[in-house]
Amino acid sequence: MFVKDKMAQSNYERILEKISKLSGLKKEEIEAKIEAKRSKLSGLISKEGAAQIVASELGVSFEGERLKIDELLPGMRNVNVVGKIIRISSVRTFKTKKGEESKVVNFWIADDSSNIRVVLWDINHISLVEHGEIKEGVVVEIINGAMRENEIHLGNFSEVKVSGEIFKDDEIITEKVFHGKNISDFKKGESVGTRAFIVQAFEPRFFYVCPECGKKVEAEGKDFVCKTHEKVIPEKRAVMTLVLDDGTDSIRAALFHEPLKDIGIKDSDLEDQETISKKKESLLGKEMFFSGNVRINNFFNNPEIIVEEVKEVDVEGVINELEKS
């Protein structure tokens, strides 16, 4: 689900209201402090992030307060939230660096504001999944979770339990929410969307993944080995890198599998050098909507977007939107 910054703005407004209520200061005074903080940090922090810092300086803490999913921000601790499980993965067993066996399981919860992934590491929490107490369709309450980028992680000191609250399916947001932003405002860990031009297109690169878990496998001699499923017959995948520019800044974008089809590149095209060259040329200068997750590219040490959705620009819709604004 692609949304304009109205949702991000409403999130900021809610944080602002909470700080005002708990500190006794007027919104205008708090906003001045937030803008001063952003200016001091050269604009490298979002309004929401700056608001969190200002709140801390004012002695205002959101810890222990129940929040909506779209109010959760990277770095938050003691997160309390309630949501309905809309999807759950199978329990995965792995070995720690010490060689000990451990487990992890992921599930996604939704409320009427957004949805988010929850990661369980504690054996006691995971046993609730294994015994069927926590499953798809169940409403759960999470207490004392920790935000790592855009995920809630639960450890030994966290709690997850079945809630008595009722969440109707037509009242929750089950699609992933992408906040419309300029590229210059992208921050690590955000789920964002932007309308941008393709200014560069690179040759696709190939790699192999495990057919069971989809994770990248390593070649050992003639065999391919998955860390979880050991020797496997891998599936060949491709990734293509673009450079996007929206007039405020440019960013590298990585497209895997489905998003490649969205820009007109079929699986059969990937193996044909002549076809790929023509496709690359036809993409240059094209304007489209790109949505995905921002991360730091470790090789280049700068932000990039892992694209999840690509859509054609609805010119008529854009014109109507501009007329309304």
C-alpha atoms as a PDB file:
ATOM      1  CA  MET A   1       0.000   0.000   0.000  1.00  0.00           C
ATOM      2  CA  PHE A   2       1.548   3.259  -1.162  1.00  0.00           C
ATOM      3  CA  VAL A   3       0.548   6.267   0.938  1.00  0.00           C
ATOM      4  CA  LYS A   4       1.545   9.900   0.740  1.00  0.00           C
ATOM      5  CA  ASP A   5       3.367  11.517   3.631  1.00  0.00           C
ATOM      6  CA  LYS A   6      -0.011  12.284   5.229  1.00  0.00           C
ATOM      7  CA  MET A   7       0.334   9.091   7.271  1.00  0.00           C
ATOM      8  CA  ALA A   8       3.901   9.933   8.273  1.00  0.00           C
ATOM      9  CA  GLN A   9       2.690  13.443   9.119  1.00  0.00           C
ATOM     10  CA  SER A  10      -0.138  12.099  11.282  1.00  0.00           C
ATOM     11  CA  ASN A  11       2.409   9.874  13.033  1.00  0.00           C
ATOM     12  CA  TYR A  12       4.552  12.944  13.765  1.00  0.00           C
ATOM     13  CA  GLU A  13       1.490  14.857  14.955  1.00  0.00           C
ATOM     14  CA  ARG A  14       0.582  12.092  17.400  1.00  0.00           C
ATOM     15  CA  ILE A  15       4.112  12.078  18.820  1.00  0.00           C
ATOM     16  CA  LEU A  16       3.949  15.888  19.087  1.00  0.00           C
ATOM     17  CA  GLU A  17       0.655  15.702  20.971  1.00  0.00           C
ATOM     18  CA  LYS A  18       2.027  13.121  23.382  1.00  0.00           C
ATOM     19  CA  ILE A  19       5.102  15.261  24.145  1.00  0.00           C
ATOM     20  CA  SER A  20       2.919  18.343  24.629  1.00  0.00           C
ATOM     21  CA  LYS A  21       0.531  16.513  26.949  1.00  0.00           C
ATOM     22  CA  LEU A  22       3.254  14.946  29.078  1.00  0.00           C
ATOM     23  CA  SER A  23       5.593  17.974  29.190  1.00  0.00           C
ATOM     24  CA  GLY A  24       3.016  20.762  29.513  1.00  0.00           C
ATOM     25  CA  LEU A  25       4.649  22.739  26.670  1.00  0.00           C
ATOM     26  CA  LYS A  26       2.776  24.146  23.696  1.00  0.00           C
ATOM     27  CA  LYS A  27       3.143  22.366  20.355  1.00  0.00           C
ATOM     28  CA  GLU A  28       4.768  25.447  18.829  1.00  0.00           C
ATOM     29  CA  GLU A  29       7.522  25.433  21.474  1.00  0.00           C
ATOM     30  CA  ILE A  30       8.173  21.718  20.955  1.00  0.00           C
ATOM     31  CA  GLU A  31       8.267  22.088  17.156  1.00  0.00           C
ATOM     32  CA  ALA A  32      10.840  24.884  17.511  1.00  0.00           C
ATOM     33  CA  LYS A  33      13.021  22.541  19.592  1.00  0.00           C
ATOM     34  CA  ILE A  34      12.571  19.754  17.016  1.00  0.00           C
ATOM     35  CA  GLU A  35      13.587  21.994  14.111  1.00  0.00           C
ATOM     36  CA  ALA A  36      16.589  23.270  16.085  1.00  0.00           C
ATOM     37  CA  LYS A  37      17.643  19.676  16.745  1.00  0.00           C
ATOM     38  CA  ARG A  38      17.300  18.764  13.040  1.00  0.00           C
ATOM     39  CA  SER A  39      19.279  21.847  12.062  1.00  0.00           C
ATOM     40  CA  LYS A  40      22.042  20.948  14.523  1.00  0.00           C
ATOM     41  CA  LEU A  41      22.211  17.468  12.953  1.00  0.00           C
ATOM     42  CA  SER A  42      22.259  18.941   9.417  1.00  0.00           C
ATOM     43  CA  GLY A  43      18.854  17.476   8.610  1.00  0.00           C
ATOM     44  CA  LEU A  44      20.201  13.922   8.822  1.00  0.00           C
ATOM     45  CA  ILE A  45      17.376  12.857  11.115  1.00  0.00           C
ATOM     46  CA  SER A  46      13.638  12.657  10.471  1.00  0.00           C
ATOM     47  CA  LYS A  47      11.116  14.805  12.332  1.00  0.00           C
ATOM     48  CA  GLU A  48       9.955  11.740  14.240  1.00  0.00           C
ATOM     49  CA  GLY A  49      13.527  10.893  15.255  1.00  0.00           C
ATOM     50  CA  ALA A  50      14.245  14.469  16.343  1.00  0.00           C
ATOM     51  CA  ALA A  51      10.987  14.462  18.306  1.00  0.00           C
ATOM     52  CA  GLN A  52      12.153  11.362  20.179  1.00  0.00           C
ATOM     53  CA  ILE A  53      15.407  13.120  21.152  1.00  0.00           C
ATOM     54  CA  VAL A  54      13.555  16.266  22.266  1.00  0.00           C
ATOM     55  CA  ALA A  55      11.121  14.132  24.279  1.00  0.00           C
ATOM     56  CA  SER A  56      14.042  12.458  26.062  1.00  0.00           C
ATOM     57  CA  GLU A  57      15.648  15.840  26.826  1.00  0.00           C
ATOM     58  CA  LEU A  58      12.337  17.020  28.296  1.00  0.00           C
ATOM     59  CA  GLY A  59      12.133  13.935  30.484  1.00  0.00           C
ATOM     60  CA  VAL A  60       9.230  12.518  28.477  1.00  0.00           C
ATOM     61  CA  SER A  61       9.353   8.773  27.870  1.00  0.00           C
ATOM     62  CA  PHE A  62       7.124   6.656  25.647  1.00  0.00           C
ATOM     63  CA  GLU A  63       8.467   3.491  27.256  1.00  0.00           C
ATOM     64  CA  GLY A  64       5.738   1.282  28.637  1.00  0.00           C
ATOM     65  CA  GLU A  65       3.007   3.216  26.817  1.00  0.00           C
ATOM     66  CA  ARG A  66       0.805   1.272  24.438  1.00  0.00           C
ATOM     67  CA  LEU A  67       1.291   2.518  20.888  1.00  0.00           C
ATOM     68  CA  LYS A  68      -0.238   1.990  17.460  1.00  0.00           C
ATOM     69  CA  ILE A  69       1.975   0.130  14.985  1.00  0.00           C
ATOM     70  CA  ASP A  70       2.584   3.208  12.830  1.00  0.00           C
ATOM     71  CA  GLU A  71       3.791   5.096  15.930  1.00  0.00           C
ATOM     72  CA  LEU A  72       6.692   2.676  16.425  1.00  0.00           C
ATOM     73  CA  LEU A  73      10.098   4.058  15.480  1.00  0.00           C
ATOM     74  CA  PRO A  74      13.542   2.453  15.068  1.00  0.00           C
ATOM     75  CA  GLY A  75      15.451   2.343  18.351  1.00  0.00           C
ATOM     76  CA  MET A  76      12.409   2.309  20.638  1.00  0.00           C
ATOM     77  CA  ARG A  77      12.640   0.050  23.686  1.00  0.00           C
ATOM     78  CA  ASN A  78      10.001  -1.329  26.069  1.00  0.00           C
ATOM     79  CA  VAL A  79       7.504  -1.348  23.205  1.00  0.00           C
ATOM     80  CA  ASN A  80       3.913  -2.277  24.052  1.00  0.00           C
ATOM     81  CA  VAL A  81       1.513  -2.965  21.187  1.00  0.00           C
ATOM     82  CA  VAL A  82      -1.511  -5.112  20.330  1.00  0.00           C
ATOM     83  CA  GLY A  83      -2.225  -6.596  16.910  1.00  0.00           C
ATOM     84  CA  LYS A  84      -3.780  -9.474  15.012  1.00  0.00           C
ATOM     85  CA  ILE A  85      -1.453 -12.097  13.542  1.00  0.00           C
ATOM     86  CA  ILE A  86      -1.934 -12.039   9.767  1.00  0.00           C
ATOM     87  CA  ARG A  87       0.934 -14.334   8.820  1.00  0.00           C
ATOM     88  CA  ILE A  88       3.331 -16.630  10.625  1.00  0.00           C
ATOM     89  CA  SER A  89       6.468 -18.452   9.482  1.00  0.00           C
ATOM     90  CA  SER A  90       7.586 -21.931  10.428  1.00  0.00           C
ATOM     91  CA  VAL A  91       9.983 -22.277  13.360  1.00  0.00           C
ATOM     92  CA  ARG A  92      13.576 -22.235  12.120  1.00  0.00           C
ATOM     93  CA  THR A  93      16.397 -24.027  13.913  1.00  0.00           C
ATOM     94  CA  PHE A  94      19.958 -22.729  13.607  1.00  0.00           C
ATOM     95  CA  LYS A  95      23.332 -22.956  15.325  1.00  0.00           C
ATOM     96  CA  THR A  96      24.818 -20.041  17.212  1.00  0.00           C
ATOM     97  CA  LYS A  97      28.439 -18.930  16.886  1.00  0.00           C
ATOM     98  CA  LYS A  98      29.172 -21.098  19.922  1.00  0.00           C
ATOM     99  CA  GLY A  99      27.791 -24.127  18.082  1.00  0.00           C
ATOM    100  CA  GLU A 100      24.670 -24.326  20.243  1.00  0.00           C
ATOM    101  CA  GLU A 101      21.275 -25.078  18.708  1.00  0.00           C
ATOM    102  CA  SER A 102      18.673 -22.332  18.897  1.00  0.00           C
ATOM    103  CA  LYS A 103      15.375 -21.334  17.295  1.00  0.00           C
ATOM    104  CA  VAL A 104      13.676 -18.292  15.772  1.00  0.00           C
ATOM    105  CA  VAL A 105      10.227 -17.613  14.370  1.00  0.00           C
ATOM    106  CA  ASN A 106       8.649 -14.584  12.691  1.00  0.00           C
ATOM    107  CA  PHE A 107       5.055 -13.445  12.519  1.00  0.00           C
ATOM    108  CA  TRP A 108       3.325 -10.308  11.273  1.00  0.00           C
ATOM    109  CA  ILE A 109       0.732  -8.372  13.280  1.00  0.00           C
ATOM    110  CA  ALA A 110      -1.671  -5.697  12.058  1.00  0.00           C
ATOM    111  CA  ASP A 111      -3.899  -3.034  13.603  1.00  0.00           C
ATOM    112  CA  ASP A 112      -5.940  -0.220  12.078  1.00  0.00           C
ATOM    113  CA  SER A 113      -2.810   1.877  11.425  1.00  0.00           C
ATOM    114  CA  SER A 114      -0.288  -0.491   9.794  1.00  0.00           C
ATOM    115  CA  ASN A 115       1.438  -3.871  10.155  1.00  0.00           C
ATOM    116  CA  ILE A 116       4.870  -5.046  11.274  1.00  0.00           C
ATOM    117  CA  ARG A 117       7.055  -8.114  11.600  1.00  0.00           C
ATOM    118  CA  VAL A 118       7.698  -9.565  15.065  1.00  0.00           C
ATOM    119  CA  VAL A 119      10.762 -11.759  15.691  1.00  0.00           C
ATOM    120  CA  LEU A 120      10.739 -14.270  18.554  1.00  0.00           C
ATOM    121  CA  TRP A 121      14.072 -15.491  19.935  1.00  0.00           C
ATOM    122  CA  ASP A 122      13.061 -16.792  23.369  1.00  0.00           C
ATOM    123  CA  ILE A 123      12.409 -20.550  23.582  1.00  0.00           C
ATOM    124  CA  ASN A 124       9.393 -20.027  25.881  1.00  0.00           C
ATOM    125  CA  HIS A 125       7.765 -17.652  23.388  1.00  0.00           C
ATOM    126  CA  ILE A 126       8.503 -19.987  20.488  1.00  0.00           C
ATOM    127  CA  SER A 127       6.906 -22.902  22.349  1.00  0.00           C
ATOM    128  CA  LEU A 128       3.606 -20.982  22.251  1.00  0.00           C
ATOM    129  CA  VAL A 129       3.834 -21.111  18.448  1.00  0.00           C
ATOM    130  CA  GLU A 130       4.864 -24.764  18.426  1.00  0.00           C
ATOM    131  CA  HIS A 131       1.886 -25.699  20.648  1.00  0.00           C
ATOM    132  CA  GLY A 132      -0.568 -23.698  18.529  1.00  0.00           C
ATOM    133  CA  GLU A 133      -1.477 -21.112  21.174  1.00  0.00           C
ATOM    134  CA  ILE A 134      -0.095 -18.326  18.992  1.00  0.00           C
ATOM    135  CA  LYS A 135      -1.222 -18.746  15.385  1.00  0.00           C
ATOM    136  CA  GLU A 136      -2.628 -16.869  12.418  1.00  0.00           C
ATOM    137  CA  GLY A 137      -5.844 -15.016  13.259  1.00  0.00           C
ATOM    138  CA  VAL A 138      -5.043 -14.659  16.982  1.00  0.00           C
ATOM    139  CA  VAL A 139      -4.819 -11.199  18.573  1.00  0.00           C
ATOM    140  CA  VAL A 140      -1.694 -10.860  20.717  1.00  0.00           C
ATOM    141  CA  GLU A 141      -0.365  -8.335  23.189  1.00  0.00           C
ATOM    142  CA  ILE A 142       3.355  -7.605  23.107  1.00  0.00           C
ATOM    143  CA  ILE A 143       5.038  -6.154  26.189  1.00  0.00           C
ATOM    144  CA  ASN A 144       8.585  -4.837  26.495  1.00  0.00           C
ATOM    145  CA  GLY A 145       9.641  -5.453  22.890  1.00  0.00           C
ATOM    146  CA  ALA A 146      12.557  -3.677  21.192  1.00  0.00           C
ATOM    147  CA  MET A 147      12.516  -1.996  17.781  1.00  0.00           C
ATOM    148  CA  ARG A 148      15.365  -3.001  15.446  1.00  0.00           C
ATOM    149  CA  GLU A 149      14.878  -0.884  12.362  1.00  0.00           C
ATOM    150  CA  ASN A 150      11.294  -1.717  11.294  1.00  0.00           C
ATOM    151  CA  GLU A 151      10.851  -4.932  13.285  1.00  0.00           C
ATOM    152  CA  ILE A 152       9.832  -5.754  16.861  1.00  0.00           C
ATOM    153  CA  HIS A 153      12.246  -8.195  18.508  1.00  0.00           C
ATOM    154  CA  LEU A 154      11.306 -10.107  21.657  1.00  0.00           C
ATOM    155  CA  GLY A 155      13.922 -11.469  24.025  1.00  0.00           C
ATOM    156  CA  ASN A 156      14.033 -13.038  27.506  1.00  0.00           C
ATOM    157  CA  PHE A 157      12.633  -9.938  29.207  1.00  0.00           C
ATOM    158  CA  SER A 158       9.778  -9.477  26.724  1.00  0.00           C
ATOM    159  CA  GLU A 159       6.298 -10.941  26.900  1.00  0.00           C
ATOM    160  CA  VAL A 160       3.826 -12.073  24.251  1.00  0.00           C
ATOM    161  CA  LYS A 161       0.377 -13.344  25.149  1.00  0.00           C
ATOM    162  CA  VAL A 162      -3.046 -13.902  23.639  1.00  0.00           C
ATOM    163  CA  SER A 163      -5.226 -10.806  24.016  1.00  0.00           C
ATOM    164  CA  GLY A 164      -8.961 -10.728  24.630  1.00  0.00           C
ATOM    165  CA  GLU A 165      -9.366  -7.808  22.208  1.00  0.00           C
ATOM    166  CA  ILE A 166     -11.170  -8.285  18.900  1.00  0.00           C
ATOM    167  CA  PHE A 167      -9.749  -7.018  15.611  1.00  0.00           C
ATOM    168  CA  LYS A 168     -12.106  -7.428  12.637  1.00  0.00           C
ATOM    169  CA  ASP A 169     -10.424  -8.274   9.325  1.00  0.00           C
ATOM    170  CA  ASP A 170     -11.926  -5.250   7.573  1.00  0.00           C
ATOM    171  CA  GLU A 171     -10.577  -2.925  10.285  1.00  0.00           C
ATOM    172  CA  ILE A 172      -6.885  -3.809  10.019  1.00  0.00           C
ATOM    173  CA  ILE A 173      -4.259  -2.929   7.423  1.00  0.00           C
ATOM    174  CA  THR A 174      -2.722  -6.108   6.048  1.00  0.00           C
ATOM    175  CA  GLU A 175      -0.852  -4.671   3.070  1.00  0.00           C
ATOM    176  CA  LYS A 176       2.635  -3.320   3.574  1.00  0.00           C
ATOM    177  CA  VAL A 177       2.599   0.454   3.968  1.00  0.00           C
ATOM    178  CA  PHE A 178       5.089   2.576   2.034  1.00  0.00           C
ATOM    179  CA  HIS A 179       5.349   6.235   3.016  1.00  0.00           C
ATOM    180  CA  GLY A 180       5.709   8.661   0.113  1.00  0.00           C
ATOM    181  CA  LYS A 181       8.926  10.672   0.498  1.00  0.00           C
ATOM    182  CA  ASN A 182      11.572  12.508  -1.473  1.00  0.00           C
ATOM    183  CA  ILE A 183      14.796  10.544  -1.946  1.00  0.00           C
ATOM    184  CA  SER A 184      16.673  13.246  -0.034  1.00  0.00           C
ATOM    185  CA  ASP A 185      14.537  12.406   3.021  1.00  0.00           C
ATOM    186  CA  PHE A 186      15.078   8.624   2.931  1.00  0.00           C
ATOM    187  CA  LYS A 187      16.380   7.137   6.187  1.00  0.00           C
ATOM    188  CA  LYS A 188      17.793   3.683   6.901  1.00  0.00           C
ATOM    189  CA  GLY A 189      15.131   1.170   7.901  1.00  0.00           C
ATOM    190  CA  GLU A 190      12.194   3.065   6.398  1.00  0.00           C
ATOM    191  CA  SER A 191       9.577   1.603   4.059  1.00  0.00           C
ATOM    192  CA  VAL A 192       9.237   4.314   1.436  1.00  0.00           C
ATOM    193  CA  GLY A 193       7.854   5.111  -1.978  1.00  0.00           C
ATOM    194  CA  THR A 194       8.805   7.763  -4.497  1.00  0.00           C
ATOM    195  CA  ARG A 195       8.133   8.852  -8.071  1.00  0.00           C
ATOM    196  CA  ALA A 196      11.508   8.934  -9.800  1.00  0.00           C
ATOM    197  CA  PHE A 197      13.321   8.734 -13.135  1.00  0.00           C
ATOM    198  CA  ILE A 198      15.647   5.881 -14.048  1.00  0.00           C
ATOM    199  CA  VAL A 199      18.965   7.534 -14.884  1.00  0.00           C
ATOM    200  CA  GLN A 200      21.223   4.451 -14.962  1.00  0.00           C
ATOM    201  CA  ALA A 201      20.681   0.721 -15.468  1.00  0.00           C
ATOM    202  CA  PHE A 202      23.326  -1.944 -14.868  1.00  0.00           C
ATOM    203  CA  GLU A 203      23.763  -5.509 -16.097  1.00  0.00           C
ATOM    204  CA  PRO A 204      21.862  -8.097 -14.043  1.00  0.00           C
ATOM    205  CA  ARG A 205      23.887 -10.245 -11.642  1.00  0.00           C
ATOM    206  CA  PHE A 206      23.035 -13.860 -10.842  1.00  0.00           C
ATOM    207  CA  PHE A 207      23.109 -15.840  -7.599  1.00  0.00           C
ATOM    208  CA  TYR A 208      21.636 -19.034  -6.164  1.00  0.00           C
ATOM    209  CA  VAL A 209      19.144 -19.486  -3.337  1.00  0.00           C
ATOM    210  CA  CYS A 210      17.796 -22.353  -1.261  1.00  0.00           C
ATOM    211  CA  PRO A 211      14.437 -23.595  -2.653  1.00  0.00           C
ATOM    212  CA  GLU A 212      13.192 -24.118   0.924  1.00  0.00           C
ATOM    213  CA  CYS A 213      13.947 -20.834   2.703  1.00  0.00           C
ATOM    214  CA  GLY A 214      14.953 -18.553  -0.187  1.00  0.00           C
ATOM    215  CA  LYS A 215      18.257 -17.592   1.421  1.00  0.00           C
ATOM    216  CA  LYS A 216      21.491 -17.337  -0.550  1.00  0.00           C
ATOM    217  CA  VAL A 217      23.519 -20.544  -0.703  1.00  0.00           C
ATOM    218  CA  GLU A 218      27.280 -21.034  -0.857  1.00  0.00           C
ATOM    219  CA  ALA A 219      29.088 -23.168  -3.418  1.00  0.00           C
ATOM    220  CA  GLU A 220      31.246 -25.931  -1.924  1.00  0.00           C
ATOM    221  CA  GLY A 221      32.917 -27.807  -4.745  1.00  0.00           C
ATOM    222  CA  LYS A 222      30.112 -29.096  -6.978  1.00  0.00           C
ATOM    223  CA  ASP A 223      27.536 -28.764  -4.209  1.00  0.00           C
ATOM    224  CA  PHE A 224      25.454 -25.840  -2.967  1.00  0.00           C
ATOM    225  CA  VAL A 225      24.976 -25.560   0.785  1.00  0.00           C
ATOM    226  CA  CYS A 226      22.290 -23.717   2.730  1.00  0.00           C
ATOM    227  CA  LYS A 227      23.136 -22.882   6.357  1.00  0.00           C
ATOM    228  CA  THR A 228      19.727 -24.187   7.418  1.00  0.00           C
ATOM    229  CA  HIS A 229      18.917 -26.967   4.932  1.00  0.00           C
ATOM    230  CA  GLU A 230      22.481 -28.121   4.154  1.00  0.00           C
ATOM    231  CA  LYS A 231      22.976 -29.579   0.624  1.00  0.00           C
ATOM    232  CA  VAL A 232      20.253 -28.405  -1.773  1.00  0.00           C
ATOM    233  CA  ILE A 233      19.502 -28.123  -5.473  1.00  0.00           C
ATOM    234  CA  PRO A 234      19.456 -24.325  -5.745  1.00  0.00           C
ATOM    235  CA  GLU A 235      17.271 -21.938  -7.707  1.00  0.00           C
ATOM    236  CA  LYS A 236      18.943 -19.344  -9.916  1.00  0.00           C
ATOM    237  CA  ARG A 237      17.908 -15.742  -9.263  1.00  0.00           C
ATOM    238  CA  ALA A 238      18.841 -12.357 -10.684  1.00  0.00           C
ATOM    239  CA  VAL A 239      19.241  -8.860  -9.273  1.00  0.00           C
ATOM    240  CA  MET A 240      19.445  -5.686 -11.327  1.00  0.00           C
ATOM    241  CA  THR A 241      20.661  -2.314 -10.070  1.00  0.00           C
ATOM    242  CA  LEU A 242      19.197   0.994 -11.191  1.00  0.00           C
ATOM    243  CA  VAL A 243      19.982   4.561 -10.203  1.00  0.00           C
ATOM    244  CA  LEU A 244      16.867   6.613  -9.473  1.00  0.00           C
ATOM    245  CA  ASP A 245      16.567  10.403  -9.350  1.00  0.00           C
ATOM    246  CA  ASP A 246      13.526  12.388  -8.214  1.00  0.00           C
ATOM    247  CA  GLY A 247      15.031  15.866  -8.473  1.00  0.00           C
ATOM    248  CA  THR A 248      15.953  16.053  -4.784  1.00  0.00           C
ATOM    249  CA  ASP A 249      18.660  13.374  -4.844  1.00  0.00           C
ATOM    250  CA  SER A 250      19.607  10.065  -6.449  1.00  0.00           C
ATOM    251  CA  ILE A 251      19.855   6.556  -4.975  1.00  0.00           C
ATOM    252  CA  ARG A 252      20.857   3.054  -6.024  1.00  0.00           C
ATOM    253  CA  ALA A 253      17.936   0.648  -6.289  1.00  0.00           C
ATOM    254  CA  ALA A 254      18.168  -3.156  -6.253  1.00  0.00           C
ATOM    255  CA  LEU A 255      15.397  -5.114  -8.002  1.00  0.00           C
ATOM    256  CA  PHE A 256      14.913  -8.858  -7.468  1.00  0.00           C
ATOM    257  CA  HIS A 257      12.556 -11.209  -9.328  1.00  0.00           C
ATOM    258  CA  GLU A 258       8.969  -9.748  -9.300  1.00  0.00           C
ATOM    259  CA  PRO A 259      10.017  -6.062  -9.484  1.00  0.00           C
ATOM    260  CA  LEU A 260      12.094  -6.956 -12.565  1.00  0.00           C
ATOM    261  CA  LYS A 261       8.891  -8.102 -14.258  1.00  0.00           C
ATOM    262  CA  ASP A 262       7.282  -4.809 -13.229  1.00  0.00           C
ATOM    263  CA  ILE A 263       9.850  -2.900 -15.302  1.00  0.00           C
ATOM    264  CA  GLY A 264       9.329  -5.193 -18.288  1.00  0.00           C
ATOM    265  CA  ILE A 265      12.146  -7.709 -17.848  1.00  0.00           C
ATOM    266  CA  LYS A 266      11.086 -11.361 -18.092  1.00  0.00           C
ATOM    267  CA  ASP A 267      13.104 -14.352 -16.883  1.00  0.00           C
ATOM    268  CA  SER A 268      13.840 -15.317 -20.487  1.00  0.00           C
ATOM    269  CA  ASP A 269      15.291 -11.836 -21.161  1.00  0.00           C
ATOM    270  CA  LEU A 270      17.946 -12.179 -18.472  1.00  0.00           C
ATOM    271  CA  GLU A 271      20.034 -14.737 -20.329  1.00  0.00           C
ATOM    272  CA  ASP A 272      19.992 -12.837 -23.646  1.00  0.00           C
ATOM    273  CA  GLN A 273      22.676 -10.126 -23.768  1.00  0.00           C
ATOM    274  CA  GLU A 274      21.200  -8.351 -26.793  1.00  0.00           C
ATOM    275  CA  THR A 275      17.705  -8.257 -25.289  1.00  0.00           C
ATOM    276  CA  ILE A 276      18.998  -6.966 -21.948  1.00  0.00           C
ATOM    277  CA  SER A 277      20.969  -4.194 -23.674  1.00  0.00           C
ATOM    278  CA  LYS A 278      17.819  -3.031 -25.474  1.00  0.00           C
ATOM    279  CA  LYS A 279      15.756  -3.242 -22.289  1.00  0.00           C
ATOM    280  CA  LYS A 280      18.332  -1.201 -20.361  1.00  0.00           C
ATOM    281  CA  GLU A 281      18.351   1.482 -23.033  1.00  0.00           C
ATOM    282  CA  SER A 282      14.539   1.677 -23.093  1.00  0.00           C
ATOM    283  CA  LEU A 283      14.439   2.157 -19.292  1.00  0.00           C
ATOM    284  CA  LEU A 284      16.649   5.258 -19.231  1.00  0.00           C
ATOM    285  CA  GLY A 285      14.632   8.405 -18.607  1.00  0.00           C
ATOM    286  CA  LYS A 286      11.481   6.492 -17.694  1.00  0.00           C
ATOM    287  CA  GLU A 287       9.502   7.793 -14.714  1.00  0.00           C
ATOM    288  CA  MET A 288       7.822   5.270 -12.402  1.00  0.00           C
ATOM    289  CA  PHE A 289       6.684   4.773  -8.794  1.00  0.00           C
ATOM    290  CA  PHE A 290       9.181   2.739  -6.745  1.00  0.00           C
ATOM    291  CA  SER A 291       8.407   1.363  -3.266  1.00  0.00           C
ATOM    292  CA  GLY A 292      10.695  -0.591  -0.964  1.00  0.00           C
ATOM    293  CA  ASN A 293      12.954  -0.623   2.072  1.00  0.00           C
ATOM    294  CA  VAL A 294      15.963   1.609   2.658  1.00  0.00           C
ATOM    295  CA  ARG A 295      19.167  -0.011   3.890  1.00  0.00           C
ATOM    296  CA  ILE A 296      22.871   0.803   3.906  1.00  0.00           C
ATOM    297  CA  ASN A 297      24.899  -0.796   1.131  1.00  0.00           C
ATOM    298  CA  ASN A 298      27.950  -2.171   2.963  1.00  0.00           C
ATOM    299  CA  PHE A 299      30.153  -2.074  -0.138  1.00  0.00           C
ATOM    300  CA  PHE A 300      29.454   1.565  -1.067  1.00  0.00           C
ATOM    301  CA  ASN A 301      28.580   2.642   2.516  1.00  0.00           C
ATOM    302  CA  ASN A 302      25.592   4.694   1.394  1.00  0.00           C
ATOM    303  CA  PRO A 303      21.796   4.227   1.351  1.00  0.00           C
ATOM    304  CA  GLU A 304      20.059   2.117  -1.269  1.00  0.00           C
ATOM    305  CA  ILE A 305      16.486   0.974  -1.725  1.00  0.00           C
ATOM    306  CA  ILE A 306      15.521  -2.680  -2.040  1.00  0.00           C
ATOM    307  CA  VAL A 307      12.549  -2.344  -4.373  1.00  0.00           C
ATOM    308  CA  GLU A 308       9.419  -4.386  -3.653  1.00  0.00           C
ATOM    309  CA  GLU A 309       6.909  -2.735  -5.988  1.00  0.00           C
ATOM    310  CA  VAL A 310       7.135  -0.796  -9.233  1.00  0.00           C
ATOM    311  CA  LYS A 311       4.142   0.901 -10.834  1.00  0.00           C
ATOM    312  CA  GLU A 312       3.578   2.986 -13.922  1.00  0.00           C
ATOM    313  CA  VAL A 313       2.899   6.678 -13.339  1.00  0.00           C
ATOM    314  CA  ASP A 314      -0.776   7.541 -13.722  1.00  0.00           C
ATOM    315  CA  VAL A 315      -0.306  10.901 -15.479  1.00  0.00           C
ATOM    316  CA  GLU A 316      -3.976  11.830 -15.198  1.00  0.00           C
ATOM    317  CA  GLY A 317      -3.978  10.974 -11.505  1.00  0.00           C
ATOM    318  CA  VAL A 318      -0.855  13.069 -10.883  1.00  0.00           C
ATOM    319  CA  ILE A 319      -2.444  16.054 -12.649  1.00  0.00           C
ATOM    320  CA  ASN A 320      -5.610  15.740 -10.548  1.00  0.00           C
ATOM    321  CA  GLU A 321      -3.505  15.518  -7.399  1.00  0.00           C
ATOM    322  CA  LEU A 322      -1.565  18.659  -8.312  1.00  0.00           C
ATOM    323  CA  GLU A 323      -4.795  20.511  -9.047  1.00  0.00           C
ATOM    324  CA  LYS A 324      -6.190  19.550  -5.633  1.00  0.00           C
ATOM    325  CA  SER A 325      -3.034  20.745  -3.867  1.00  0.00           C
END
